[in-house]
C-alpha cells in the first residue's frame, strides 16, 4: 500500500532523505504504525550518519509523527490507514 507523508519543512524532509516536503512510501498492505515508526527511524539513521548514537536513539523523541490527529507512538498497534497522510514535525514546535 502507499501512504503519503508530509514533512513540516524542507529541512525535516532532508533529514529523512527526501528532497520534497511530500513523499509517498510503499509499505506492506498489513503494516501497522509501529512499522512506519521503525521505517522513519531507519531513514533518519541512514541520512544522519554523522550524528551521535545517542541522538540516533532519540529520533522518535526529536520528531512527532501524526496521522488523523493522533501521535503514531500511541496507536502503533493499529493498522496504517492509507487514506490519511502522516505529518512529521519537530517535537518541540509550538510557542
N, C-alpha and C. Protein backbone atom coordinates (compact mmCIF):
# COMPACT_ATOMS: atom_id res chain seq x y z
N UNK A 1 0.84 -1.18 0.00
CA UNK A 1 0.00 0.00 0.00
C UNK A 1 0.88 1.23 0.00
N UNK A 2 0.30 2.33 -0.38
CA UNK A 2 1.01 3.60 -0.38
C UNK A 2 0.46 4.49 0.73
N UNK A 3 1.36 5.21 1.38
CA UNK A 3 0.96 6.17 2.40
C UNK A 3 1.68 7.49 2.11
N UNK A 4 0.93 8.58 2.18
CA UNK A 4 1.51 9.90 1.91
C UNK A 4 2.09 10.47 3.20
N UNK A 5 3.31 11.00 3.10
CA UNK A 5 4.00 11.62 4.24
C UNK A 5 4.22 13.08 3.92
N UNK A 6 3.88 13.95 4.87
CA UNK A 6 4.10 15.39 4.71
C UNK A 6 5.06 15.84 5.81
N UNK A 7 6.24 16.30 5.39
CA UNK A 7 7.23 16.84 6.33
C UNK A 7 6.92 18.31 6.53
N UNK A 8 6.98 18.79 7.76
CA UNK A 8 6.60 20.16 8.07
C UNK A 8 7.52 21.18 7.40
N UNK A 9 8.76 20.79 7.13
CA UNK A 9 9.69 21.70 6.46
C UNK A 9 10.62 20.92 5.53
N UNK A 10 11.27 21.63 4.63
CA UNK A 10 12.23 21.00 3.73
C UNK A 10 13.41 20.44 4.54
N UNK A 11 13.80 21.15 5.60
CA UNK A 11 14.89 20.68 6.45
C UNK A 11 14.56 19.31 7.07
N UNK A 12 13.36 19.15 7.56
CA UNK A 12 12.95 17.86 8.13
C UNK A 12 12.95 16.80 7.03
N UNK A 13 12.41 17.13 5.87
CA UNK A 13 12.39 16.17 4.76
C UNK A 13 13.78 15.67 4.44
N UNK A 14 14.75 16.58 4.37
CA UNK A 14 16.12 16.19 4.05
C UNK A 14 16.71 15.27 5.11
N UNK A 15 16.33 15.46 6.36
CA UNK A 15 16.83 14.59 7.42
C UNK A 15 16.33 13.15 7.26
N UNK A 16 15.23 12.99 6.54
CA UNK A 16 14.69 11.66 6.28
C UNK A 16 14.96 11.20 4.85
N UNK A 17 15.85 11.91 4.15
CA UNK A 17 16.27 11.50 2.82
C UNK A 17 15.35 11.89 1.69
N UNK A 18 14.47 12.85 1.93
CA UNK A 18 13.54 13.29 0.88
C UNK A 18 13.90 14.70 0.44
N UNK A 19 13.83 14.93 -0.84
CA UNK A 19 14.07 16.27 -1.38
C UNK A 19 12.80 17.11 -1.39
N UNK A 20 11.67 16.46 -1.17
CA UNK A 20 10.38 17.15 -1.22
C UNK A 20 9.70 17.06 0.14
N UNK A 21 8.82 18.01 0.41
CA UNK A 21 8.08 18.02 1.67
C UNK A 21 6.98 16.96 1.69
N UNK A 22 6.58 16.49 0.54
CA UNK A 22 5.57 15.44 0.47
C UNK A 22 6.16 14.27 -0.31
N UNK A 23 6.05 13.07 0.28
CA UNK A 23 6.52 11.88 -0.42
C UNK A 23 5.55 10.74 -0.16
N UNK A 24 5.59 9.76 -1.03
CA UNK A 24 4.75 8.58 -0.89
C UNK A 24 5.64 7.39 -0.58
N UNK A 25 5.30 6.67 0.49
CA UNK A 25 6.05 5.48 0.88
C UNK A 25 5.25 4.24 0.53
N UNK A 26 5.93 3.24 0.03
CA UNK A 26 5.31 1.95 -0.24
C UNK A 26 5.60 1.03 0.93
N UNK A 27 4.55 0.54 1.56
CA UNK A 27 4.70 -0.32 2.73
C UNK A 27 3.82 -1.56 2.55
N UNK A 28 4.07 -2.61 3.33
CA UNK A 28 3.23 -3.81 3.22
C UNK A 28 1.76 -3.49 3.51
N UNK A 29 0.86 -4.22 2.86
CA UNK A 29 -0.57 -3.97 3.00
C UNK A 29 -1.08 -4.10 4.44
N UNK A 30 -0.47 -4.97 5.22
CA UNK A 30 -0.94 -5.20 6.60
C UNK A 30 -0.11 -4.45 7.63
N UNK A 31 0.65 -3.44 7.20
CA UNK A 31 1.56 -2.72 8.11
C UNK A 31 0.80 -1.96 9.19
N UNK A 32 1.41 -1.95 10.36
CA UNK A 32 0.89 -1.17 11.48
C UNK A 32 1.75 0.08 11.63
N UNK A 33 1.27 1.02 12.42
CA UNK A 33 2.02 2.27 12.59
C UNK A 33 3.40 2.03 13.21
N UNK A 34 3.54 0.97 13.97
CA UNK A 34 4.84 0.62 14.53
C UNK A 34 5.86 0.38 13.41
N UNK A 35 5.41 -0.22 12.31
CA UNK A 35 6.26 -0.43 11.15
C UNK A 35 6.72 0.91 10.58
N UNK A 36 5.79 1.85 10.47
CA UNK A 36 6.15 3.18 9.95
C UNK A 36 7.16 3.88 10.86
N UNK A 37 6.97 3.78 12.17
CA UNK A 37 7.92 4.40 13.11
C UNK A 37 9.31 3.81 12.93
N UNK A 38 9.39 2.50 12.75
CA UNK A 38 10.69 1.85 12.51
C UNK A 38 11.29 2.32 11.20
N UNK A 39 10.46 2.46 10.19
CA UNK A 39 10.92 2.93 8.89
C UNK A 39 11.47 4.35 8.99
N UNK A 40 10.76 5.23 9.69
CA UNK A 40 11.25 6.60 9.88
C UNK A 40 12.58 6.60 10.63
N UNK A 41 12.70 5.77 11.63
CA UNK A 41 13.93 5.69 12.41
C UNK A 41 15.10 5.26 11.53
N UNK A 42 14.89 4.26 10.71
CA UNK A 42 15.95 3.79 9.80
C UNK A 42 16.30 4.83 8.75
N UNK A 43 15.28 5.49 8.19
CA UNK A 43 15.53 6.53 7.19
C UNK A 43 16.37 7.66 7.80
N UNK A 44 16.05 8.04 9.04
CA UNK A 44 16.79 9.11 9.69
C UNK A 44 18.24 8.69 9.93
N UNK A 45 18.44 7.47 10.42
CA UNK A 45 19.80 6.98 10.68
C UNK A 45 20.64 6.97 9.41
N UNK A 46 20.05 6.52 8.31
CA UNK A 46 20.76 6.45 7.04
C UNK A 46 21.20 7.83 6.54
N UNK A 47 20.43 8.86 6.84
CA UNK A 47 20.70 10.19 6.32
C UNK A 47 21.38 11.12 7.31
N UNK A 48 21.71 10.61 8.50
CA UNK A 48 22.35 11.43 9.54
C UNK A 48 23.45 10.64 10.23
N UNK A 49 24.28 10.00 9.44
CA UNK A 49 25.33 9.14 9.97
C UNK A 49 26.35 9.89 10.82
N UNK A 50 26.46 11.19 10.61
CA UNK A 50 27.44 11.98 11.36
C UNK A 50 26.96 12.28 12.78
N UNK A 51 25.68 12.06 13.05
CA UNK A 51 25.13 12.34 14.38
C UNK A 51 25.59 11.26 15.37
N UNK A 52 25.58 11.60 16.63
CA UNK A 52 26.00 10.64 17.66
C UNK A 52 24.97 9.53 17.80
N UNK A 53 25.40 8.38 18.34
CA UNK A 53 24.49 7.27 18.57
C UNK A 53 23.38 7.65 19.53
N UNK A 54 23.68 8.51 20.48
CA UNK A 54 22.66 8.95 21.43
C UNK A 54 21.52 9.66 20.71
N UNK A 55 21.85 10.51 19.77
CA UNK A 55 20.82 11.23 19.02
C UNK A 55 20.03 10.27 18.14
N UNK A 56 20.70 9.29 17.55
CA UNK A 56 20.02 8.33 16.70
C UNK A 56 18.94 7.59 17.48
N UNK A 57 19.23 7.23 18.70
CA UNK A 57 18.27 6.50 19.52
C UNK A 57 17.09 7.39 19.91
N UNK A 58 17.32 8.71 19.93
CA UNK A 58 16.27 9.62 20.36
C UNK A 58 15.47 10.23 19.22
N UNK A 59 15.59 9.70 18.00
CA UNK A 59 14.91 10.30 16.86
C UNK A 59 13.39 10.33 17.06
N UNK A 60 12.85 9.32 17.72
CA UNK A 60 11.40 9.30 17.94
C UNK A 60 10.99 10.31 18.99
N UNK A 61 11.93 10.80 19.78
CA UNK A 61 11.64 11.86 20.73
C UNK A 61 11.88 13.24 20.15
N UNK A 62 12.68 13.31 19.10
CA UNK A 62 13.01 14.58 18.45
C UNK A 62 11.89 15.02 17.51
N UNK A 63 11.24 14.04 16.90
CA UNK A 63 10.18 14.32 15.94
C UNK A 63 8.86 13.74 16.45
N UNK A 64 7.78 14.33 15.97
CA UNK A 64 6.44 13.80 16.26
C UNK A 64 5.85 13.36 14.92
N UNK A 65 5.21 12.20 14.95
CA UNK A 65 4.61 11.61 13.76
C UNK A 65 3.11 11.49 14.03
N UNK A 66 2.30 12.16 13.20
CA UNK A 66 0.87 12.27 13.47
C UNK A 66 0.06 11.82 12.25
N UNK A 67 -1.01 11.10 12.52
CA UNK A 67 -1.98 10.73 11.49
C UNK A 67 -3.38 10.86 12.07
N UNK A 68 -4.24 11.55 11.37
CA UNK A 68 -5.61 11.79 11.85
C UNK A 68 -5.63 12.40 13.24
N UNK A 69 -4.68 13.28 13.52
CA UNK A 69 -4.62 13.96 14.80
C UNK A 69 -4.10 13.11 15.95
N UNK A 70 -3.60 11.92 15.64
CA UNK A 70 -3.10 11.02 16.69
C UNK A 70 -1.61 10.78 16.52
N UNK A 71 -0.90 10.80 17.64
CA UNK A 71 0.52 10.50 17.65
C UNK A 71 0.70 9.02 17.34
N UNK A 72 1.53 8.69 16.35
CA UNK A 72 1.71 7.30 15.96
C UNK A 72 2.26 6.44 17.09
N UNK A 73 2.99 7.03 18.00
CA UNK A 73 3.51 6.24 19.13
C UNK A 73 2.37 5.74 20.01
N UNK A 74 1.24 6.42 20.01
CA UNK A 74 0.09 6.00 20.83
C UNK A 74 -0.80 4.99 20.11
N UNK A 75 -0.68 4.92 18.79
CA UNK A 75 -1.52 4.00 18.02
C UNK A 75 -0.68 3.00 17.24
N UNK A 76 0.50 2.69 17.74
CA UNK A 76 1.45 1.87 17.00
C UNK A 76 0.94 0.46 16.67
N UNK A 77 -0.04 -0.04 17.42
CA UNK A 77 -0.58 -1.37 17.16
C UNK A 77 -1.75 -1.38 16.18
N UNK A 78 -2.13 -0.19 15.70
CA UNK A 78 -3.21 -0.10 14.72
C UNK A 78 -2.65 -0.20 13.31
N UNK A 79 -3.48 -0.69 12.40
CA UNK A 79 -3.08 -0.77 11.00
C UNK A 79 -3.04 0.62 10.38
N UNK A 80 -2.10 0.81 9.49
CA UNK A 80 -1.94 2.09 8.80
C UNK A 80 -3.17 2.33 7.92
N UNK A 81 -3.70 3.54 8.01
CA UNK A 81 -4.80 3.95 7.16
C UNK A 81 -4.20 4.68 5.95
N UNK A 82 -4.23 4.05 4.77
CA UNK A 82 -3.59 4.67 3.60
C UNK A 82 -4.30 5.93 3.12
N UNK A 83 -5.50 6.19 3.60
CA UNK A 83 -6.23 7.38 3.19
C UNK A 83 -5.88 8.60 4.04
N UNK A 84 -5.10 8.40 5.11
CA UNK A 84 -4.71 9.51 5.99
C UNK A 84 -3.21 9.73 5.88
N UNK A 85 -2.82 10.96 5.57
CA UNK A 85 -1.39 11.25 5.46
C UNK A 85 -0.76 11.31 6.84
N UNK A 86 0.55 11.14 6.86
CA UNK A 86 1.32 11.21 8.09
C UNK A 86 2.10 12.52 8.08
N UNK A 87 1.98 13.28 9.14
CA UNK A 87 2.70 14.55 9.30
C UNK A 87 3.92 14.30 10.17
N UNK A 88 5.07 14.82 9.75
CA UNK A 88 6.31 14.71 10.51
C UNK A 88 6.77 16.13 10.86
N UNK A 89 6.94 16.38 12.17
CA UNK A 89 7.34 17.72 12.64
C UNK A 89 8.30 17.56 13.81
N UNK A 90 9.01 18.65 14.12
CA UNK A 90 9.83 18.64 15.32
C UNK A 90 8.92 18.52 16.54
N UNK A 91 9.33 17.76 17.52
CA UNK A 91 8.50 17.55 18.71
C UNK A 91 8.34 18.82 19.52
N UNK A 92 9.24 19.77 19.38
CA UNK A 92 9.17 20.99 20.18
C UNK A 92 8.57 22.16 19.43
N UNK A 93 7.73 21.92 18.42
CA UNK A 93 7.09 23.01 17.71
C UNK A 93 6.00 23.62 18.59
N UNK A 94 5.68 24.82 18.31
CA UNK A 94 4.66 25.49 19.10
C UNK A 94 5.21 26.76 19.73
N UNK A 95 4.49 27.31 20.67
CA UNK A 95 5.02 28.53 21.23
C UNK A 95 4.28 29.08 22.33
